[in-house]
């Protein structure tokens, strides 16, 4: 994943434009539903929200109006904590339904000041819609009804947000790269991404690799459930996405994996990544996360099993375990999703020069021996 320089800081992509626009779509759909027949007045807070406001308004299908207000509370990469109104509101708000559009809500001081100002103008109701929310930084008790993306406490840039007025034009959202992490690559660490379609034996082979080589194991599903169960900052953000019926953003997943990865210490033997990455964007994010620690993925091991054999194994597993999702129709859909998702990713790892394809058909011991030959040569 590319790292860019803006003035004296380095940033890396954490939320691509496609994902941003998908979230904007969902927020617009909800507003269209909630505000039907109300002719709401949108108040976009400049400068940061101008791109978000433009993209959102193109998706609003109900009668509505938009105006702008300018407030300032940022200097460099930290909030000053002081809100100064630069451009006031000229429209009559009496009896109107008002929706404040913000680029990012952190402490909530800006929104609170706006709501206090708007309250003196007798609106019927005031609502808040924000592109980004940092739940753990809120200092004010606010009801923020419409949130496109919830993010951890990182400094971000792009899609209208700036660093000292630079970077607003970037199409993706970038996160500040910390400078105190090592850049030398540890060649001895065996970080392995293991690939395999459902029924390929990936779980069994992962257990054998871990036992023989003393590697650690990171399962995306286990990490996500653990963060939510323990009520961590990242877990709370992820739970809100899940409760809203949305996929957890890649940037949050990577932050969770990084937290677990760092818990193994700086000189561990390596990690098997199970269930991640599933897309090229995720692979690039994983590469960046590891590089910031002086580490890398040493190998991508792909267990190749013919689809007919996968079907046979999974149907048999369903009969033995009683799993309702191991029926022929569901299995075909799962395999289609796997192949569609992983084909570009397999090519990406091939271009990285670390893809190792293993024949996953045959005796368990022979398959493991082939894997060991790869691992021993890392």
Protein backbone atom coordinates (compact mmCIF):
# COMPACT_ATOMS: atom_id res chain seq x y z
CA UNK A 1 0.00 0.00 0.00
CA UNK A 2 1.38 3.39 -1.02
CA UNK A 3 2.63 5.87 1.53
CA UNK A 4 2.32 9.54 0.61
CA UNK A 5 4.02 12.62 2.03
CA UNK A 6 1.94 15.68 2.96
CA UNK A 7 4.11 18.58 4.19
CA UNK A 8 6.19 16.89 6.92
CA UNK A 9 3.98 13.86 7.61
CA UNK A 10 3.52 10.45 6.00
CA UNK A 11 0.10 8.89 5.45
CA UNK A 12 -1.21 5.56 4.17
CA UNK A 13 -4.62 4.60 2.76
CA UNK A 14 -6.93 2.97 5.29
CA UNK A 15 -10.40 3.55 3.78
CA UNK A 16 -10.57 3.42 -0.03
CA UNK A 17 -13.00 5.62 -1.94
CA UNK A 18 -15.23 2.69 -2.91
CA UNK A 19 -15.84 1.81 0.74
CA UNK A 20 -16.50 5.46 1.63
CA UNK A 21 -19.13 5.79 -1.08
CA UNK A 22 -20.83 2.56 -0.03
CA UNK A 23 -21.23 4.01 3.47
CA UNK A 24 -22.49 7.33 2.10
CA UNK A 25 -25.08 5.39 0.10
CA UNK A 26 -26.39 3.70 3.24
CA UNK A 27 -26.63 6.97 5.17
CA UNK A 28 -28.47 8.65 2.29
CA UNK A 29 -30.93 5.77 2.08
CA UNK A 30 -31.71 6.08 5.78
CA UNK A 31 -32.18 9.86 5.57
CA UNK A 32 -34.45 9.49 2.54
CA UNK A 33 -36.59 7.08 4.55
CA UNK A 34 -36.63 9.04 7.83
CA UNK A 35 -37.10 12.52 6.37
CA UNK A 36 -39.72 11.83 3.68
CA UNK A 37 -42.19 14.72 3.51
CA UNK A 38 -40.15 17.01 5.80
CA UNK A 39 -38.12 19.06 3.27
CA UNK A 40 -35.04 19.11 5.55
CA UNK A 41 -32.44 21.87 5.50
CA UNK A 42 -28.90 20.45 5.43
CA UNK A 43 -26.24 22.63 7.08
CA UNK A 44 -22.79 21.55 5.92
CA UNK A 45 -19.90 22.54 8.17
CA UNK A 46 -17.00 23.91 6.12
CA UNK A 47 -14.31 23.28 5.15
CA UNK A 48 -14.02 19.55 5.77
CA UNK A 49 -17.52 18.36 4.90
CA UNK A 50 -17.75 19.83 1.40
CA UNK A 51 -16.94 16.59 -0.46
CA UNK A 52 -19.09 14.47 1.87
CA UNK A 53 -21.95 16.96 1.53
CA UNK A 54 -21.72 16.92 -2.28
CA UNK A 55 -21.69 13.12 -2.52
CA UNK A 56 -24.47 12.78 0.04
CA UNK A 57 -26.73 15.35 -1.60
CA UNK A 58 -26.44 13.58 -4.96
CA UNK A 59 -27.96 10.56 -3.22
CA UNK A 60 -30.77 12.42 -1.45
CA UNK A 61 -33.99 11.85 -3.40
CA UNK A 62 -36.46 13.76 -1.21
CA UNK A 63 -37.13 17.53 -1.47
CA UNK A 64 -34.45 19.31 0.55
CA UNK A 65 -32.21 22.38 0.78
CA UNK A 66 -28.60 22.91 1.71
CA UNK A 67 -26.65 25.82 3.22
CA UNK A 68 -23.22 26.19 4.79
CA UNK A 69 -21.63 27.31 8.03
CA UNK A 70 -17.94 27.59 8.81
CA UNK A 71 -16.50 26.78 12.22
CA UNK A 72 -12.88 26.29 13.24
CA UNK A 73 -11.47 24.05 15.95
CA UNK A 74 -8.39 22.41 14.35
CA UNK A 75 -4.76 23.41 14.06
CA UNK A 76 -2.25 20.93 12.64
CA UNK A 77 -3.12 17.43 13.84
CA UNK A 78 -4.79 18.36 17.15
CA UNK A 79 -8.00 20.12 18.13
CA UNK A 80 -7.62 23.50 19.81
CA UNK A 81 -10.75 22.83 21.84
CA UNK A 82 -12.07 26.27 20.92
CA UNK A 83 -14.86 26.72 18.38
CA UNK A 84 -15.06 29.99 16.47
CA UNK A 85 -17.99 30.77 14.17
CA UNK A 86 -16.65 32.26 10.95
CA UNK A 87 -19.72 32.30 8.72
CA UNK A 88 -23.15 32.49 10.31
CA UNK A 89 -26.49 31.01 9.30
CA UNK A 90 -28.69 33.40 7.28
CA UNK A 91 -31.74 31.20 6.63
CA UNK A 92 -34.83 31.22 8.83
CA UNK A 93 -34.89 27.95 10.76
CA UNK A 94 -38.25 28.44 12.47
CA UNK A 95 -40.24 25.24 12.20
CA UNK A 96 -37.62 23.59 9.95
CA UNK A 97 -36.12 20.14 10.17
CA UNK A 98 -32.35 20.72 10.20
CA UNK A 99 -29.60 18.18 9.51
CA UNK A 100 -26.04 19.19 10.38
CA UNK A 101 -23.45 17.67 8.02
CA UNK A 102 -19.98 17.19 9.54
CA UNK A 103 -16.83 15.63 8.17
CA UNK A 104 -15.74 14.20 11.52
CA UNK A 105 -17.00 14.21 15.11
CA UNK A 106 -14.36 13.73 17.78
CA UNK A 107 -14.85 15.65 21.04
CA UNK A 108 -18.33 16.84 19.99
CA UNK A 109 -17.55 20.47 20.92
CA UNK A 110 -18.27 21.75 17.40
CA UNK A 111 -21.62 19.98 17.18
CA UNK A 112 -22.63 21.12 20.66
CA UNK A 113 -21.85 24.76 19.77
CA UNK A 114 -23.83 24.47 16.55
CA UNK A 115 -26.82 22.89 18.26
CA UNK A 116 -26.83 25.63 20.91
CA UNK A 117 -26.79 28.26 18.15
CA UNK A 118 -29.52 26.54 16.15
CA UNK A 119 -31.71 26.08 19.21
CA UNK A 120 -32.16 29.88 19.51
CA UNK A 121 -33.77 29.94 16.05
CA UNK A 122 -36.73 27.68 16.89
CA UNK A 123 -36.23 24.77 14.50
CA UNK A 124 -38.70 21.91 14.67
CA UNK A 125 -35.85 19.42 15.12
CA UNK A 126 -32.08 19.21 14.69
CA UNK A 127 -30.27 16.06 13.57
CA UNK A 128 -26.60 15.23 13.06
CA UNK A 129 -25.04 13.40 10.12
CA UNK A 130 -21.28 12.81 10.03
CA UNK A 131 -18.91 11.11 7.65
CA UNK A 132 -16.63 9.96 10.49
CA UNK A 133 -17.09 9.40 14.21
CA UNK A 134 -14.46 8.67 16.87
CA UNK A 135 -16.68 7.22 19.63
CA UNK A 136 -13.90 7.03 22.22
CA UNK A 137 -13.05 10.74 21.96
CA UNK A 138 -16.55 12.10 22.56
CA UNK A 139 -16.65 14.53 25.47
CA UNK A 140 -20.26 15.55 24.97
CA UNK A 141 -23.41 13.44 25.34
CA UNK A 142 -24.76 13.77 21.80
CA UNK A 143 -27.29 11.87 19.74
CA UNK A 144 -25.54 11.41 16.40
CA UNK A 145 -28.17 9.69 14.30
CA UNK A 146 -26.41 9.25 10.98
CA UNK A 147 -22.82 7.96 10.87
CA UNK A 148 -21.13 6.78 7.69
CA UNK A 149 -17.93 5.41 9.28
CA UNK A 150 -16.77 4.84 12.86
CA UNK A 151 -13.00 4.93 13.26
CA UNK A 152 -10.38 4.60 16.03
CA UNK A 153 -8.40 7.53 17.41
CA UNK A 154 -6.06 8.03 14.46
CA UNK A 155 -5.35 11.29 12.65
CA UNK A 156 -6.81 11.00 9.17
CA UNK A 157 -6.56 12.88 5.88
CA UNK A 158 -8.37 13.01 2.53
CA UNK A 159 -11.92 13.09 1.18
CA UNK A 160 -12.26 16.68 2.36
CA UNK A 161 -10.19 16.41 5.54
CA UNK A 162 -6.85 18.19 5.72
CA UNK A 163 -3.50 18.46 7.38
CA UNK A 164 -2.77 22.19 7.60
CA UNK A 165 -5.10 22.76 4.60
CA UNK A 166 -3.36 20.14 2.44
CA UNK A 167 -4.75 16.81 1.24
CA UNK A 168 -8.47 17.61 1.02
CA UNK A 169 -8.49 16.57 -2.66
CA UNK A 170 -7.39 12.98 -1.99
CA UNK A 171 -10.10 10.52 -3.00
CA UNK A 172 -9.37 7.95 -0.27
CA UNK A 173 -9.03 8.41 3.48
CA UNK A 174 -5.46 8.17 4.77
CA UNK A 175 -4.11 7.58 8.28
CA UNK A 176 -1.00 9.18 9.75
CA UNK A 177 2.00 6.83 9.72
CA UNK A 178 3.94 6.87 12.97
CA UNK A 179 7.66 7.42 12.51
CA UNK A 180 9.01 5.50 15.51
CA UNK A 181 8.57 2.01 14.10
CA UNK A 182 11.43 0.01 12.57
CA UNK A 183 11.79 -0.18 8.81
CA UNK A 184 14.36 -3.00 8.55
CA UNK A 185 12.82 -6.30 7.45
CA UNK A 186 13.25 -9.32 9.74
CA UNK A 187 14.00 -12.09 7.25
CA UNK A 188 13.97 -14.89 9.86
CA UNK A 189 10.37 -14.48 10.95
CA UNK A 190 7.97 -16.92 9.29
CA UNK A 191 4.72 -15.05 8.85
CA UNK A 192 2.49 -17.21 6.71
CA UNK A 193 -0.83 -16.52 4.98
CA UNK A 194 -2.62 -19.81 4.42
CA UNK A 195 -5.23 -20.09 1.69
CA UNK A 196 -7.73 -22.79 1.06
CA UNK A 197 -11.31 -23.11 -0.04
CA UNK A 198 -13.88 -24.48 2.43
CA UNK A 199 -13.10 -28.18 2.80
CA UNK A 200 -9.47 -27.90 1.63
CA UNK A 201 -8.05 -28.96 5.00
CA UNK A 202 -6.67 -25.52 5.78
CA UNK A 203 -7.57 -25.73 9.48
CA UNK A 204 -5.96 -29.14 9.94
CA UNK A 205 -2.76 -28.13 8.18
CA UNK A 206 -2.58 -24.86 10.13
CA UNK A 207 -2.68 -26.79 13.40
CA UNK A 208 0.15 -29.07 12.23
CA UNK A 209 2.30 -26.10 11.12
CA UNK A 210 1.75 -24.33 14.45
CA UNK A 211 2.68 -27.45 16.41
CA UNK A 212 5.87 -28.19 14.46
CA UNK A 213 7.24 -24.66 14.04
CA UNK A 214 5.96 -22.96 17.19
CA UNK A 215 4.13 -20.27 15.26
CA UNK A 216 1.36 -18.10 16.62
CA UNK A 217 -2.12 -18.13 15.12
CA UNK A 218 -4.43 -15.22 14.29
CA UNK A 219 -7.98 -16.00 13.23
CA UNK A 220 -9.86 -12.93 12.05
CA UNK A 221 -13.18 -14.24 13.32
CA UNK A 222 -11.78 -15.07 16.77
CA UNK A 223 -10.09 -11.67 17.06
CA UNK A 224 -13.25 -9.79 16.08
CA UNK A 225 -15.43 -11.73 18.50
CA UNK A 226 -12.87 -11.24 21.28
CA UNK A 227 -12.66 -7.47 20.81
CA UNK A 228 -16.46 -7.20 20.89
CA UNK A 229 -16.78 -9.54 23.90
CA UNK A 230 -14.16 -7.58 25.87
CA UNK A 231 -15.76 -4.22 25.04
CA UNK A 232 -12.55 -2.66 23.71
CA UNK A 233 -12.55 0.62 21.78
CA UNK A 234 -12.17 -1.24 18.49
CA UNK A 235 -14.74 -3.84 19.55
CA UNK A 236 -17.35 -1.19 20.31
CA UNK A 237 -16.84 0.40 16.90
CA UNK A 238 -17.02 -2.97 15.14
CA UNK A 239 -20.16 -3.97 17.05
CA UNK A 240 -21.91 -0.81 15.94
CA UNK A 241 -21.19 -1.65 12.30
CA UNK A 242 -22.50 -5.17 12.80
CA UNK A 243 -25.60 -3.93 14.63
CA UNK A 244 -26.23 -1.55 11.72
CA UNK A 245 -26.06 -4.47 9.29
CA UNK A 246 -22.75 -3.30 7.77
CA UNK A 247 -19.45 -5.05 7.14
CA UNK A 248 -16.64 -4.13 9.52
CA UNK A 249 -14.20 -1.88 7.54
CA UNK A 250 -10.82 -3.29 6.57
CA UNK A 251 -9.06 -0.56 8.53
CA UNK A 252 -10.70 -1.71 11.78
CA UNK A 253 -9.89 -5.36 11.12
CA UNK A 254 -6.23 -4.50 10.49
CA UNK A 255 -6.09 -2.45 13.72
CA UNK A 256 -7.45 -5.44 15.63
CA UNK A 257 -4.98 -7.84 14.02
CA UNK A 258 -2.12 -5.43 14.75
CA UNK A 259 -3.10 -5.33 18.42
CA UNK A 260 -2.97 -9.14 18.67
CA UNK A 261 0.18 -9.33 16.55
CA UNK A 262 2.00 -6.88 18.83
CA UNK A 263 1.03 -8.95 21.88
CA UNK A 264 3.39 -11.71 20.63
CA UNK A 265 6.42 -9.46 21.15
CA UNK A 266 9.08 -8.25 18.71
CA UNK A 267 11.00 -11.50 18.23
CA UNK A 268 8.33 -14.19 17.92
CA UNK A 269 8.82 -17.04 15.42
CA UNK A 270 5.98 -15.98 13.17
CA UNK A 271 2.22 -16.03 12.70
CA UNK A 272 -0.25 -17.96 10.59
CA UNK A 273 -2.93 -15.58 9.35
CA UNK A 274 -6.21 -17.49 9.06
CA UNK A 275 -9.18 -15.89 7.29
CA UNK A 276 -7.25 -12.76 6.35
CA UNK A 277 -6.59 -11.30 3.88
CA UNK A 278 -9.55 -11.99 1.58
CA UNK A 279 -9.08 -9.10 -0.85
CA UNK A 280 -6.18 -7.26 -2.47
CA UNK A 281 -6.89 -4.17 -0.35
CA UNK A 282 -6.62 -6.30 2.78
CA UNK A 283 -3.37 -7.87 1.56
CA UNK A 284 -1.89 -4.43 0.96
CA UNK A 285 -3.04 -3.29 4.41
CA UNK A 286 -1.47 -6.36 6.03
CA UNK A 287 1.79 -5.76 4.16
CA UNK A 288 1.88 -2.16 5.38
CA UNK A 289 1.10 -3.12 8.97
CA UNK A 290 3.90 -5.68 9.05
CA UNK A 291 6.39 -3.40 7.28
CA UNK A 292 5.84 -0.72 9.92
CA UNK A 293 7.14 -3.30 12.43
CA UNK A 294 10.07 -4.40 10.31
CA UNK A 295 8.30 -7.64 9.38
CA UNK A 296 6.77 -9.19 6.29
CA UNK A 297 4.71 -12.09 4.98
CA UNK A 298 7.24 -14.80 4.21
CA UNK A 299 4.91 -17.08 2.26
CA UNK A 300 1.39 -17.48 0.99
CA UNK A 301 0.57 -21.20 1.02
CA UNK A 302 -2.37 -22.17 -1.18
CA UNK A 303 -4.01 -25.59 -0.75
CA UNK A 304 -5.34 -26.54 -4.18
CA UNK A 305 -8.19 -29.08 -4.14
CA UNK A 306 -10.52 -29.85 -7.09
CA UNK A 307 -14.04 -28.51 -6.63
CA UNK A 308 -15.60 -31.97 -6.95
CA UNK A 309 -13.53 -33.17 -4.01
CA UNK A 310 -14.42 -30.07 -1.99
CA UNK A 311 -18.12 -30.75 -2.57
CA UNK A 312 -17.70 -34.39 -1.48
CA UNK A 313 -15.81 -33.45 1.69
CA UNK A 314 -18.22 -30.70 2.72
CA UNK A 315 -21.35 -32.74 2.12
CA UNK A 316 -19.84 -35.57 4.17
CA UNK A 317 -18.90 -33.09 6.91
CA UNK A 318 -22.47 -31.82 6.94
CA UNK A 319 -23.84 -35.33 7.32
CA UNK A 320 -21.44 -36.07 10.19
CA UNK A 321 -21.72 -32.74 12.04
CA UNK A 322 -25.28 -31.74 11.25
CA UNK A 323 -24.14 -28.30 10.03
CA UNK A 324 -27.07 -26.75 8.18
CA UNK A 325 -24.80 -24.73 5.87
CA UNK A 326 -23.11 -27.85 4.48
CA UNK A 327 -25.70 -28.60 1.81
CA UNK A 328 -25.01 -28.69 -1.92
CA UNK A 329 -26.66 -25.38 -2.85
CA UNK A 330 -25.02 -23.42 -0.03
CA UNK A 331 -21.64 -25.07 -0.65
CA UNK A 332 -21.70 -24.01 -4.32
CA UNK A 333 -22.40 -20.40 -3.31
CA UNK A 334 -19.59 -20.42 -0.75
CA UNK A 335 -17.14 -21.82 -3.29
CA UNK A 336 -18.20 -19.22 -5.88
CA UNK A 337 -17.60 -16.43 -3.34
CA UNK A 338 -14.22 -17.91 -2.42
CA UNK A 339 -13.04 -18.16 -6.03
CA UNK A 340 -14.33 -14.67 -6.94
CA UNK A 341 -12.66 -13.09 -3.91
CA UNK A 342 -9.36 -14.93 -3.99
CA UNK A 343 -8.52 -15.05 -7.71
CA UNK A 344 -7.18 -11.44 -7.78
CA UNK A 345 -5.51 -12.02 -4.41
CA UNK A 346 -3.71 -15.16 -5.58
CA UNK A 347 -2.40 -13.20 -8.57
CA UNK A 348 -1.29 -10.40 -6.21
CA UNK A 349 0.75 -12.81 -4.07
CA UNK A 350 2.13 -14.41 -7.24
CA UNK A 351 3.42 -10.98 -8.26
CA UNK A 352 4.89 -10.57 -4.78
CA UNK A 353 6.89 -13.73 -5.46
CA UNK A 354 5.75 -15.58 -2.32
CA UNK A 355 2.87 -17.75 -3.57
CA UNK A 356 3.35 -21.50 -3.00
CA UNK A 357 0.71 -23.82 -4.42
CA UNK A 358 0.33 -27.17 -2.64
CA UNK A 359 -1.61 -30.14 -4.01
CA UNK A 360 -4.26 -30.57 -1.32
CA UNK A 361 -5.56 -33.86 -2.69
CA UNK A 362 -4.17 -37.05 -1.17
CA UNK A 363 -2.77 -38.30 2.11
CA UNK A 364 -2.60 -35.86 5.02
CA UNK A 365 1.06 -36.67 5.75
CA UNK A 366 2.12 -36.09 2.15
CA UNK A 367 0.36 -32.72 2.02
CA UNK A 368 1.99 -31.65 5.29
CA UNK A 369 5.42 -32.79 4.06
CA UNK A 370 5.04 -30.58 0.99
CA UNK A 371 4.12 -27.64 3.21
CA UNK A 372 7.11 -28.30 5.47
CA UNK A 373 9.41 -28.19 2.47
CA UNK A 374 8.15 -24.66 1.76
CA UNK A 375 8.42 -23.52 5.38
CA UNK A 376 11.89 -25.01 5.87
CA UNK A 377 13.18 -23.02 2.92
CA UNK A 378 11.86 -19.66 4.12
